[in-house]
C-alpha atoms as a PDB file:
ATOM      1  CA  LEU A   1      82.851  82.622 135.373  1.00  0.00           C
ATOM      2  CA  GLY A   2      79.533  82.924 137.249  1.00  0.00           C
ATOM      3  CA  GLY A   3      80.997  83.866 140.704  1.00  0.00           C
ATOM      4  CA  ALA A   4      83.696  86.154 139.231  1.00  0.00           C
ATOM      5  CA  VAL A   5      81.277  87.915 137.064  1.00  0.00           C
ATOM      6  CA  ALA A   6      78.679  88.261 139.723  1.00  0.00           C
ATOM      7  CA  MET A   7      81.093  89.548 142.207  1.00  0.00           C
ATOM      8  CA  ARG A   8      82.493  92.157 139.653  1.00  0.00           C
ATOM      9  CA  ALA A   9      78.922  93.100 138.912  1.00  0.00           C
ATOM     10  CA  LEU A  10      78.413  94.027 142.525  1.00  0.00           C
ATOM     11  CA  GLN A  11      80.793  96.922 141.901  1.00  0.00           C
ATOM     12  CA  ASP A  12      78.204  98.512 139.574  1.00  0.00           C
ATOM     13  CA  TYR A  13      75.168  97.704 141.735  1.00  0.00           C
ATOM     14  CA  PRO A  14      74.262 100.745 143.968  1.00  0.00           C
ATOM     15  CA  GLU A  15      72.221  99.080 146.518  1.00  0.00           C
ATOM     16  CA  THR A  16      74.436  96.325 147.894  1.00  0.00           C
ATOM     17  CA  SER A  17      72.798  96.905 151.292  1.00  0.00           C
ATOM     18  CA  LYS A  18      69.793  95.028 150.154  1.00  0.00           C
ATOM     19  CA  ILE A  19      71.826  91.826 149.532  1.00  0.00           C
ATOM     20  CA  ASP A  20      71.574  89.508 152.519  1.00  0.00           C
ATOM     21  CA  LEU A  21      74.121  86.819 151.360  1.00  0.00           C
ATOM     22  CA  VAL A  22      76.825  86.417 148.527  1.00  0.00           C
ATOM     23  CA  VAL A  23      77.537  82.905 147.660  1.00  0.00           C
ATOM     24  CA  GLN A  24      80.938  82.262 145.966  1.00  0.00           C
ATOM     25  CA  ASP A  25      80.990  78.667 144.880  1.00  0.00           C
ATOM     26  CA  SER A  26      83.999  77.263 143.104  1.00  0.00           C
ATOM     27  CA  THR A  27      85.249  80.525 141.973  1.00  0.00           C
ATOM     28  CA  PHE A  28      88.165  82.868 141.802  1.00  0.00           C
ATOM     29  CA  MET A  29      89.187  86.630 141.702  1.00  0.00           C
ATOM     30  CA  SER A  30      91.794  86.818 139.147  1.00  0.00           C
ATOM     31  CA  TYR A  31      91.603  85.585 135.481  1.00  0.00           C
ATOM     32  CA  GLN A  32      95.212  85.857 135.165  1.00  0.00           C
ATOM     33  CA  ASP A  33      95.963  83.607 138.175  1.00  0.00           C
ATOM     34  CA  VAL A  34      93.596  80.895 136.959  1.00  0.00           C
ATOM     35  CA  GLY A  35      95.326  81.113 133.541  1.00  0.00           C
ATOM     36  CA  PHE A  36      98.791  80.793 135.023  1.00  0.00           C
ATOM     37  CA  HIS A  37      97.689  77.888 137.190  1.00  0.00           C
ATOM     38  CA  LYS A  38      96.099  75.957 134.281  1.00  0.00           C
ATOM     39  CA  LEU A  39      99.086  76.482 132.013  1.00  0.00           C
ATOM     40  CA  SER A  40     101.608  75.612 134.753  1.00  0.00           C
ATOM     41  CA  HIS A  41      99.734  72.327 135.401  1.00  0.00           C
ATOM     42  CA  SER A  42     100.036  71.136 131.780  1.00  0.00           C
ATOM     43  CA  LEU A  43     102.411  70.465 129.022  1.00  0.00           C
ATOM     44  CA  LEU A  44     102.431  74.193 128.298  1.00  0.00           C
ATOM     45  CA  PHE A  45     103.927  75.055 131.638  1.00  0.00           C
ATOM     46  CA  PRO A  46     106.736  77.016 130.030  1.00  0.00           C
ATOM     47  CA  LEU A  47     104.277  79.396 128.692  1.00  0.00           C
ATOM     48  CA  SER A  48     102.386  79.888 132.045  1.00  0.00           C
ATOM     49  CA  PRO A  49     103.939  83.385 132.633  1.00  0.00           C
ATOM     50  CA  MET A  50     102.267  84.479 129.412  1.00  0.00           C
ATOM     51  CA  ALA A  51      98.888  84.321 131.202  1.00  0.00           C
ATOM     52  CA  TYR A  52      99.836  87.572 132.871  1.00  0.00           C
ATOM     53  CA  VAL A  53     100.463  89.204 129.470  1.00  0.00           C
ATOM     54  CA  LEU A  54      97.719  87.495 127.244  1.00  0.00           C
ATOM     55  CA  VAL A  55      94.791  87.403 129.783  1.00  0.00           C
ATOM     56  CA  SER A  56      93.232  90.593 130.997  1.00  0.00           C
ATOM     57  CA  ASP A  57      92.184  91.136 134.643  1.00  0.00           C
ATOM     58  CA  ARG A  58      90.260  94.320 133.731  1.00  0.00           C
ATOM     59  CA  TYR A  59      87.044  92.721 135.117  1.00  0.00           C
ATOM     60  CA  SER A  60      88.648  90.994 138.048  1.00  0.00           C
ATOM     61  CA  SER A  61      86.504  90.925 141.160  1.00  0.00           C
ATOM     62  CA  GLU A  62      89.454  91.483 143.589  1.00  0.00           C
ATOM     63  CA  GLU A  63      88.598  95.207 144.370  1.00  0.00           C
ATOM     64  CA  MET A  64      84.956  94.145 145.225  1.00  0.00           C
ATOM     65  CA  VAL A  65      86.082  91.230 147.364  1.00  0.00           C
ATOM     66  CA  LYS A  66      88.419  93.688 149.249  1.00  0.00           C
ATOM     67  CA  LYS A  67      85.558  96.186 150.070  1.00  0.00           C
ATOM     68  CA  LEU A  68      82.481  93.776 150.152  1.00  0.00           C
ATOM     69  CA  ASP A  69      80.666  94.408 153.547  1.00  0.00           C
ATOM     70  CA  ARG A  70      77.832  91.818 152.926  1.00  0.00           C
ATOM     71  CA  PRO A  71      77.758  88.349 154.606  1.00  0.00           C
ATOM     72  CA  THR A  72      79.606  86.013 152.231  1.00  0.00           C
ATOM     73  CA  LEU A  73      79.758  82.263 151.920  1.00  0.00           C
ATOM     74  CA  VAL A  74      82.682  80.743 150.019  1.00  0.00           C
ATOM     75  CA  ILE A  75      82.456  77.072 148.990  1.00  0.00           C
ATOM     76  CA  VAL A  76      85.412  75.134 147.585  1.00  0.00           C
ATOM     77  CA  GLY A  77      85.596  71.547 146.432  1.00  0.00           C
ATOM     78  CA  GLY A  78      88.553  69.383 147.404  1.00  0.00           C
ATOM     79  CA  LYS A  79      88.240  67.481 144.177  1.00  0.00           C
ATOM     80  CA  ASP A  80      87.295  70.410 142.046  1.00  0.00           C
ATOM     81  CA  LYS A  81      89.305  69.938 138.722  1.00  0.00           C
ATOM     82  CA  VAL A  82      88.017  73.199 137.191  1.00  0.00           C
ATOM     83  CA  ILE A  83      88.890  75.782 139.680  1.00  0.00           C
ATOM     84  CA  ASP A  84      91.486  74.760 142.421  1.00  0.00           C
ATOM     85  CA  GLU A  85      90.204  75.270 146.072  1.00  0.00           C
ATOM     86  CA  LYS A  86      93.125  77.507 146.653  1.00  0.00           C
ATOM     87  CA  PHE A  87      91.391  80.318 144.652  1.00  0.00           C
ATOM     88  CA  GLY A  88      88.252  80.091 146.899  1.00  0.00           C
ATOM     89  CA  ARG A  89      90.532  80.256 149.974  1.00  0.00           C
ATOM     90  CA  LYS A  90      92.238  83.350 148.640  1.00  0.00           C
ATOM     91  CA  ILE A  91      88.714  84.944 148.258  1.00  0.00           C
ATOM     92  CA  TYR A  92      88.018  84.057 151.849  1.00  0.00           C
ATOM     93  CA  LYS A  93      91.197  85.472 153.188  1.00  0.00           C
ATOM     94  CA  THR A  94      90.834  88.730 151.248  1.00  0.00           C
ATOM     95  CA  LEU A  95      87.255  89.381 152.441  1.00  0.00           C
ATOM     96  CA  THR A  96      87.071  92.078 155.036  1.00  0.00           C
ATOM     97  CA  THR A  97      83.338  91.591 155.924  1.00  0.00           C
ATOM     98  CA  GLN A  98      82.629  90.521 159.467  1.00  0.00           C
ATOM     99  CA  LYS A  99      80.267  87.640 158.493  1.00  0.00           C
ATOM    100  CA  LYS A 100      82.038  85.177 156.318  1.00  0.00           C
ATOM    101  CA  TRP A 101      82.147  81.449 156.138  1.00  0.00           C
ATOM    102  CA  LEU A 102      84.361  78.942 154.298  1.00  0.00           C
ATOM    103  CA  TRP A 103      82.912  75.580 153.476  1.00  0.00           C
ATOM    104  CA  LYS A 104      85.400  72.987 152.220  1.00  0.00           C
ATOM    105  CA  ILE A 105      83.617  69.985 150.571  1.00  0.00           C
ATOM    106  CA  PRO A 106      86.209  67.285 150.829  1.00  0.00           C
ATOM    107  CA  LYS A 107      84.921  65.175 148.006  1.00  0.00           C
ATOM    108  CA  GLY A 108      83.286  68.122 146.194  1.00  0.00           C
ATOM    109  CA  GLY A 109      83.924  68.720 142.506  1.00  0.00           C
ATOM    110  CA  HIS A 110      83.053  71.909 140.739  1.00  0.00           C
ATOM    111  CA  ILE A 111      79.743  73.551 141.896  1.00  0.00           C
ATOM    112  CA  ASP A 112      78.302  70.318 142.919  1.00  0.00           C
ATOM    113  CA  VAL A 113      77.842  70.945 146.737  1.00  0.00           C
ATOM    114  CA  PHE A 114      74.024  70.681 146.542  1.00  0.00           C
ATOM    115  CA  HIS A 115      73.834  67.868 143.853  1.00  0.00           C
ATOM    116  CA  ASP A 116      73.488  64.955 146.420  1.00  0.00           C
ATOM    117  CA  PRO A 117      70.013  64.995 147.952  1.00  0.00           C
ATOM    118  CA  LYS A 118      71.419  63.632 151.132  1.00  0.00           C
ATOM    119  CA  SER A 119      74.151  66.235 151.374  1.00  0.00           C
ATOM    120  CA  PRO A 120      74.331  67.820 154.945  1.00  0.00           C
ATOM    121  CA  PHE A 121      75.265  71.047 153.249  1.00  0.00           C
ATOM    122  CA  ARG A 122      71.796  71.574 151.984  1.00  0.00           C
ATOM    123  CA  THR A 123      70.451  71.717 155.616  1.00  0.00           C
ATOM    124  CA  GLN A 124      73.463  73.843 156.658  1.00  0.00           C
ATOM    125  CA  PHE A 125      72.664  76.192 153.868  1.00  0.00           C
ATOM    126  CA  ILE A 126      68.968  76.604 154.835  1.00  0.00           C
ATOM    127  CA  GLU A 127      70.007  77.169 158.279  1.00  0.00           C
ATOM    128  CA  LEU A 128      72.546  79.855 157.403  1.00  0.00           C
ATOM    129  CA  VAL A 129      69.892  81.637 155.253  1.00  0.00           C
ATOM    130  CA  ASP A 130      67.356  81.405 158.081  1.00  0.00           C
ATOM    131  CA  SER A 131      69.943  82.909 160.500  1.00  0.00           C
ATOM    132  CA  LEU A 132      70.341  86.086 158.405  1.00  0.00           C
END
């Protein structure tokens, strides 16, 4: 919930111009969409449409993603079993900011892009931060 909550919190933060980089790692915009996805890929698939009735999107980050003008890095893991990479791709496509990056970590799981000390993404991240 970290990325979704952080993005939604930006709606209430009056000084977004002071933010140099937003990082969305293994996250999503819609709680309902994730609920539907989880139910539809389980034995409960007949109940999957109920996600749109039982789960609230009141604090969804979708509106902030649409209007965010800060540089944003979206990271998705190709092997993420918690949040499917399609949700991160949707964030990336929805972003209207001029500076945005999508990193797909082919063997990446959930929020583990920097776990491997030999990961080339550590260096790439430092280079990205330095470039801002």
